[in-house]
Amino acid sequence: MTQQPSPSAHQGDAAYGIVVAPGTVRFERVLPGPIERVWAYLTDSKKRSTWLAAGEMELRPGGRVEHLFKNSSLTEHDAAPPAKYAAQSDGTRMHGRILECDPPHLLVYSWGEITGEHADAHSEVRFELSPIGKDVRLVLTHSRLANRDGIVGVSGGWHAHLGLLADRLSGRTPAGFWRTFIAREADYERRTP
């Protein structure tokens, strides 16, 4: 049986990240709350490993951030990673630093020190959470991306990862990470100026 993408993967144009400034892409999602639960999925290694990457965070300005990406292990019944990401399929480690932290509303950290050819030590990720009734608005802004290829790859990645987050928070079985990423990266290749 072929697994269909979850509803979060098909929210029309509103689900796509938009380039809001040179080297900056922004995503917005409305997720099931409460806000403390969504915050835990951003900051707790075990919960974060279900949709993005494991790794410890020191939740204070200047604190260390570690992400251990194992994208091929995020979902079942998935496609193989694209050739350009095959070397990373066994895991990629990334380190950064907390720049701002105001639980459970704001988390900003450097997104850098990825080992290998896709290193971009100069970018920055900002998560902003605000309650909307029982739900939570998440605004994710990834800035200081070096070039168009970086924007396309990061956009496809965040789109797929945020879909997983929405599915995990909603109790849905997610579609394959790589299958979703491949389709969304192709979309961003067409959509990104």
C-alpha atoms as a PDB file:
ATOM      1  CA  MET A   1       0.000   0.000   0.000  1.00  0.00           C
ATOM      2  CA  THR A   2       1.396   3.387  -0.981  1.00  0.00           C
ATOM      3  CA  GLN A   3       1.439   5.908   1.817  1.00  0.00           C
ATOM      4  CA  GLN A   4      -0.179   9.202   0.880  1.00  0.00           C
ATOM      5  CA  PRO A   5       1.244  12.510   2.042  1.00  0.00           C
ATOM      6  CA  SER A   6      -0.478  13.838   5.138  1.00  0.00           C
ATOM      7  CA  PRO A   7      -2.833  16.817   4.964  1.00  0.00           C
ATOM      8  CA  SER A   8      -0.009  19.049   6.202  1.00  0.00           C
ATOM      9  CA  ALA A   9       1.838  18.319   2.961  1.00  0.00           C
ATOM     10  CA  HIS A  10      -1.076  19.693   0.895  1.00  0.00           C
ATOM     11  CA  GLN A  11      -2.074  23.058   2.319  1.00  0.00           C
ATOM     12  CA  GLY A  12      -1.732  24.893  -0.952  1.00  0.00           C
ATOM     13  CA  ASP A  13       0.526  27.881  -1.436  1.00  0.00           C
ATOM     14  CA  ALA A  14       0.184  28.900   2.226  1.00  0.00           C
ATOM     15  CA  ALA A  15       2.271  25.875   3.258  1.00  0.00           C
ATOM     16  CA  TYR A  16       5.240  27.014   1.171  1.00  0.00           C
ATOM     17  CA  GLY A  17       8.008  29.073   2.627  1.00  0.00           C
ATOM     18  CA  ILE A  18       8.449  32.500   1.100  1.00  0.00           C
ATOM     19  CA  VAL A  19      11.600  34.467   0.466  1.00  0.00           C
ATOM     20  CA  VAL A  20      11.118  37.607   2.554  1.00  0.00           C
ATOM     21  CA  ALA A  21      14.563  39.181   2.064  1.00  0.00           C
ATOM     22  CA  PRO A  22      17.818  38.248   0.329  1.00  0.00           C
ATOM     23  CA  GLY A  23      18.998  34.953   1.833  1.00  0.00           C
ATOM     24  CA  THR A  24      15.924  34.639   4.079  1.00  0.00           C
ATOM     25  CA  VAL A  25      12.979  32.246   3.892  1.00  0.00           C
ATOM     26  CA  ARG A  26       9.996  32.204   6.259  1.00  0.00           C
ATOM     27  CA  PHE A  27       7.429  29.499   7.039  1.00  0.00           C
ATOM     28  CA  GLU A  28       4.212  29.748   9.039  1.00  0.00           C
ATOM     29  CA  ARG A  29       2.256  26.840  10.486  1.00  0.00           C
ATOM     30  CA  VAL A  30      -0.659  26.509  12.873  1.00  0.00           C
ATOM     31  CA  LEU A  31      -0.035  23.498  15.096  1.00  0.00           C
ATOM     32  CA  PRO A  32      -2.035  21.766  17.815  1.00  0.00           C
ATOM     33  CA  GLY A  33      -1.119  23.183  21.215  1.00  0.00           C
ATOM     34  CA  PRO A  34      -0.625  23.938  23.927  1.00  0.00           C
ATOM     35  CA  ILE A  35       2.410  26.157  23.392  1.00  0.00           C
ATOM     36  CA  GLU A  36       4.492  24.306  26.016  1.00  0.00           C
ATOM     37  CA  ARG A  37       4.033  21.075  24.055  1.00  0.00           C
ATOM     38  CA  VAL A  38       5.216  22.657  20.791  1.00  0.00           C
ATOM     39  CA  TRP A  39       8.158  24.226  22.656  1.00  0.00           C
ATOM     40  CA  ALA A  40       9.126  20.766  23.935  1.00  0.00           C
ATOM     41  CA  TYR A  41       9.162  19.442  20.349  1.00  0.00           C
ATOM     42  CA  LEU A  42      11.614  22.225  19.462  1.00  0.00           C
ATOM     43  CA  THR A  43      13.933  21.836  22.437  1.00  0.00           C
ATOM     44  CA  ASP A  44      13.752  18.289  23.863  1.00  0.00           C
ATOM     45  CA  SER A  45      16.182  15.967  22.063  1.00  0.00           C
ATOM     46  CA  LYS A  46      13.904  12.912  22.144  1.00  0.00           C
ATOM     47  CA  LYS A  47      10.853  14.773  20.841  1.00  0.00           C
ATOM     48  CA  ARG A  48      12.874  16.756  18.255  1.00  0.00           C
ATOM     49  CA  SER A  49      14.402  13.508  16.959  1.00  0.00           C
ATOM     50  CA  THR A  50      10.934  12.443  15.741  1.00  0.00           C
ATOM     51  CA  TRP A  51      10.709  15.267  13.208  1.00  0.00           C
ATOM     52  CA  LEU A  52      14.102  16.998  12.802  1.00  0.00           C
ATOM     53  CA  ALA A  53      17.215  15.858  14.677  1.00  0.00           C
ATOM     54  CA  ALA A  54      18.337  14.633  18.087  1.00  0.00           C
ATOM     55  CA  GLY A  55      20.883  16.537  20.147  1.00  0.00           C
ATOM     56  CA  GLU A  56      21.194  18.569  23.293  1.00  0.00           C
ATOM     57  CA  MET A  57      20.510  22.289  23.633  1.00  0.00           C
ATOM     58  CA  GLU A  58      21.706  24.594  26.379  1.00  0.00           C
ATOM     59  CA  LEU A  59      18.710  26.926  26.524  1.00  0.00           C
ATOM     60  CA  ARG A  60      20.511  30.180  27.309  1.00  0.00           C
ATOM     61  CA  PRO A  61      22.203  32.796  25.136  1.00  0.00           C
ATOM     62  CA  GLY A  62      25.608  31.420  24.137  1.00  0.00           C
ATOM     63  CA  GLY A  63      24.544  27.847  24.939  1.00  0.00           C
ATOM     64  CA  ARG A  64      25.515  24.997  22.642  1.00  0.00           C
ATOM     65  CA  VAL A  65      23.123  23.474  20.109  1.00  0.00           C
ATOM     66  CA  GLU A  66      23.750  20.053  18.658  1.00  0.00           C
ATOM     67  CA  HIS A  67      21.716  18.388  15.918  1.00  0.00           C
ATOM     68  CA  LEU A  68      22.295  14.836  14.792  1.00  0.00           C
ATOM     69  CA  PHE A  69      20.333  14.442  11.587  1.00  0.00           C
ATOM     70  CA  LYS A  70      19.256  10.940  10.587  1.00  0.00           C
ATOM     71  CA  ASN A  71      16.737  11.830   7.915  1.00  0.00           C
ATOM     72  CA  SER A  72      16.628   8.279   6.534  1.00  0.00           C
ATOM     73  CA  SER A  73      15.367   7.064   9.932  1.00  0.00           C
ATOM     74  CA  LEU A  74      12.623   9.662  10.456  1.00  0.00           C
ATOM     75  CA  THR A  75       9.861   7.739   8.686  1.00  0.00           C
ATOM     76  CA  GLU A  76       9.047   4.258   7.473  1.00  0.00           C
ATOM     77  CA  HIS A  77       8.524   3.121   3.868  1.00  0.00           C
ATOM     78  CA  ASP A  78      10.533   5.996   2.474  1.00  0.00           C
ATOM     79  CA  ALA A  79      12.380   6.633  -0.773  1.00  0.00           C
ATOM     80  CA  ALA A  80      16.162   6.619  -0.917  1.00  0.00           C
ATOM     81  CA  PRO A  81      17.832  10.006  -0.415  1.00  0.00           C
ATOM     82  CA  PRO A  82      18.735  11.929  -3.582  1.00  0.00           C
ATOM     83  CA  ALA A  83      22.273  11.272  -4.821  1.00  0.00           C
ATOM     84  CA  LYS A  84      23.533  14.675  -3.624  1.00  0.00           C
ATOM     85  CA  TYR A  85      22.475  13.768  -0.040  1.00  0.00           C
ATOM     86  CA  ALA A  86      23.408  10.062  -0.094  1.00  0.00           C
ATOM     87  CA  ALA A  87      26.682  10.637   1.794  1.00  0.00           C
ATOM     88  CA  GLN A  88      24.645  12.129   4.651  1.00  0.00           C
ATOM     89  CA  SER A  89      22.147   9.266   4.886  1.00  0.00           C
ATOM     90  CA  ASP A  90      23.902   7.653   7.880  1.00  0.00           C
ATOM     91  CA  GLY A  91      23.795  10.894   9.816  1.00  0.00           C
ATOM     92  CA  THR A  92      25.076  14.438   9.821  1.00  0.00           C
ATOM     93  CA  ARG A  93      26.123  16.347  12.917  1.00  0.00           C
ATOM     94  CA  MET A  94      25.673  20.104  13.192  1.00  0.00           C
ATOM     95  CA  HIS A  95      26.600  22.513  15.971  1.00  0.00           C
ATOM     96  CA  GLY A  96      25.454  26.024  16.671  1.00  0.00           C
ATOM     97  CA  ARG A  97      24.917  28.540  19.471  1.00  0.00           C
ATOM     98  CA  ILE A  98      21.760  29.865  21.090  1.00  0.00           C
ATOM     99  CA  LEU A  99      21.397  33.536  20.197  1.00  0.00           C
ATOM    100  CA  GLU A 100      18.060  34.258  21.917  1.00  0.00           C
ATOM    101  CA  CYS A 101      15.853  32.141  24.162  1.00  0.00           C
ATOM    102  CA  ASP A 102      12.537  33.182  25.721  1.00  0.00           C
ATOM    103  CA  PRO A 103      10.616  29.985  26.630  1.00  0.00           C
ATOM    104  CA  PRO A 104       8.086  29.110  25.304  1.00  0.00           C
ATOM    105  CA  HIS A 105       7.871  31.920  22.742  1.00  0.00           C
ATOM    106  CA  LEU A 106      11.233  32.469  21.047  1.00  0.00           C
ATOM    107  CA  LEU A 107      14.229  30.343  20.136  1.00  0.00           C
ATOM    108  CA  VAL A 108      17.002  31.638  17.854  1.00  0.00           C
ATOM    109  CA  TYR A 109      20.249  29.837  17.107  1.00  0.00           C
ATOM    110  CA  SER A 110      23.054  29.730  14.610  1.00  0.00           C
ATOM    111  CA  TRP A 111      22.695  27.023  12.007  1.00  0.00           C
ATOM    112  CA  GLY A 112      26.210  26.111  11.141  1.00  0.00           C
ATOM    113  CA  GLU A 113      29.208  23.906  11.353  1.00  0.00           C
ATOM    114  CA  ILE A 114      27.632  21.122   9.307  1.00  0.00           C
ATOM    115  CA  THR A 115      30.470  18.802   8.436  1.00  0.00           C
ATOM    116  CA  GLY A 116      30.941  18.093   4.768  1.00  0.00           C
ATOM    117  CA  GLU A 117      30.377  19.932   1.533  1.00  0.00           C
ATOM    118  CA  HIS A 118      27.045  21.514   2.533  1.00  0.00           C
ATOM    119  CA  ALA A 119      28.503  23.556   5.385  1.00  0.00           C
ATOM    120  CA  ASP A 120      26.974  26.978   5.961  1.00  0.00           C
ATOM    121  CA  ALA A 121      28.278  28.350   9.237  1.00  0.00           C
ATOM    122  CA  HIS A 122      26.661  31.730   8.696  1.00  0.00           C
ATOM    123  CA  SER A 123      22.937  31.018   8.704  1.00  0.00           C
ATOM    124  CA  GLU A 124      20.471  31.493  11.534  1.00  0.00           C
ATOM    125  CA  VAL A 125      17.149  29.876  12.506  1.00  0.00           C
ATOM    126  CA  ARG A 126      14.412  31.710  14.403  1.00  0.00           C
ATOM    127  CA  PHE A 127      11.336  29.969  15.879  1.00  0.00           C
ATOM    128  CA  GLU A 128       8.541  32.217  17.130  1.00  0.00           C
ATOM    129  CA  LEU A 129       5.553  30.648  18.916  1.00  0.00           C
ATOM    130  CA  SER A 130       2.298  32.372  19.820  1.00  0.00           C
ATOM    131  CA  PRO A 131      -0.959  30.860  21.089  1.00  0.00           C
ATOM    132  CA  ILE A 132      -4.089  31.027  18.952  1.00  0.00           C
ATOM    133  CA  GLY A 133      -6.830  29.577  21.160  1.00  0.00           C
ATOM    134  CA  LYS A 134      -5.912  25.909  21.640  1.00  0.00           C
ATOM    135  CA  ASP A 135      -3.489  26.032  18.711  1.00  0.00           C
ATOM    136  CA  VAL A 136      -0.051  27.572  18.259  1.00  0.00           C
ATOM    137  CA  ARG A 137       1.253  29.712  15.416  1.00  0.00           C
ATOM    138  CA  LEU A 138       4.825  28.781  14.541  1.00  0.00           C
ATOM    139  CA  VAL A 139       6.819  31.237  12.448  1.00  0.00           C
ATOM    140  CA  LEU A 140      10.167  29.828  11.361  1.00  0.00           C
ATOM    141  CA  THR A 141      12.624  32.172   9.675  1.00  0.00           C
ATOM    142  CA  HIS A 142      15.918  30.867   8.276  1.00  0.00           C
ATOM    143  CA  SER A 143      18.198  33.780   7.367  1.00  0.00           C
ATOM    144  CA  ARG A 144      21.716  34.537   6.173  1.00  0.00           C
ATOM    145  CA  LEU A 145      21.600  31.791   3.542  1.00  0.00           C
ATOM    146  CA  ALA A 146      24.526  32.166   1.169  1.00  0.00           C
ATOM    147  CA  ASN A 147      22.853  31.651  -2.214  1.00  0.00           C
ATOM    148  CA  ARG A 148      19.829  30.473  -4.180  1.00  0.00           C
ATOM    149  CA  ASP A 149      20.863  26.791  -3.942  1.00  0.00           C
ATOM    150  CA  GLY A 150      20.975  27.171  -0.166  1.00  0.00           C
ATOM    151  CA  ILE A 151      17.497  28.700  -0.129  1.00  0.00           C
ATOM    152  CA  VAL A 152      16.097  25.912  -2.339  1.00  0.00           C
ATOM    153  CA  GLY A 153      17.636  23.098  -0.281  1.00  0.00           C
ATOM    154  CA  VAL A 154      16.800  24.623   3.100  1.00  0.00           C
ATOM    155  CA  SER A 155      13.242  25.394   1.960  1.00  0.00           C
ATOM    156  CA  GLY A 156      12.639  21.832   0.796  1.00  0.00           C
ATOM    157  CA  GLY A 157      14.108  20.523   4.035  1.00  0.00           C
ATOM    158  CA  TRP A 158      12.087  22.768   6.352  1.00  0.00           C
ATOM    159  CA  HIS A 159       8.914  22.079   4.388  1.00  0.00           C
ATOM    160  CA  ALA A 160       9.381  18.317   4.861  1.00  0.00           C
ATOM    161  CA  HIS A 161      10.499  18.604   8.499  1.00  0.00           C
ATOM    162  CA  LEU A 162       7.629  20.942   9.445  1.00  0.00           C
ATOM    163  CA  GLY A 163       5.200  18.503   7.831  1.00  0.00           C
ATOM    164  CA  LEU A 164       6.612  15.800  10.101  1.00  0.00           C
ATOM    165  CA  LEU A 165       6.255  18.087  13.134  1.00  0.00           C
ATOM    166  CA  ALA A 166       2.602  18.784  12.296  1.00  0.00           C
ATOM    167  CA  ASP A 167       1.964  15.065  11.804  1.00  0.00           C
ATOM    168  CA  ARG A 168       3.654  14.099  15.092  1.00  0.00           C
ATOM    169  CA  LEU A 169       1.742  16.754  17.039  1.00  0.00           C
ATOM    170  CA  SER A 170      -1.529  15.657  15.395  1.00  0.00           C
ATOM    171  CA  GLY A 171      -0.952  11.931  15.917  1.00  0.00           C
ATOM    172  CA  ARG A 172      -0.873  11.179  12.165  1.00  0.00           C
ATOM    173  CA  THR A 173       1.457   8.736  10.453  1.00  0.00           C
ATOM    174  CA  PRO A 174       3.719  10.889   8.285  1.00  0.00           C
ATOM    175  CA  ALA A 175       4.619  10.273   4.671  1.00  0.00           C
ATOM    176  CA  GLY A 176       8.226   9.393   3.906  1.00  0.00           C
ATOM    177  CA  PHE A 177      10.635  12.226   4.658  1.00  0.00           C
ATOM    178  CA  TRP A 178      12.773  11.816   1.531  1.00  0.00           C
ATOM    179  CA  ARG A 179       9.745  11.326  -0.718  1.00  0.00           C
ATOM    180  CA  THR A 180       8.283  14.597   0.585  1.00  0.00           C
ATOM    181  CA  PHE A 181      11.626  16.414   0.489  1.00  0.00           C
ATOM    182  CA  ILE A 182      12.320  15.404  -3.133  1.00  0.00           C
ATOM    183  CA  ALA A 183       8.915  16.698  -4.283  1.00  0.00           C
ATOM    184  CA  ARG A 184       9.132  19.937  -2.275  1.00  0.00           C
ATOM    185  CA  GLU A 185      12.744  20.671  -3.289  1.00  0.00           C
ATOM    186  CA  ALA A 186      11.613  20.413  -6.923  1.00  0.00           C
ATOM    187  CA  ASP A 187       8.756  22.828  -6.130  1.00  0.00           C
ATOM    188  CA  TYR A 188      11.159  25.316  -4.536  1.00  0.00           C
ATOM    189  CA  GLU A 189      13.498  24.991  -7.500  1.00  0.00           C
ATOM    190  CA  ARG A 190      10.628  26.267  -9.663  1.00  0.00           C
ATOM    191  CA  ARG A 191       9.299  28.829  -7.150  1.00  0.00           C
ATOM    192  CA  THR A 192      12.516  30.482  -5.960  1.00  0.00           C
ATOM    193  CA  PRO A 193      13.697  33.497  -7.976  1.00  0.00           C
END
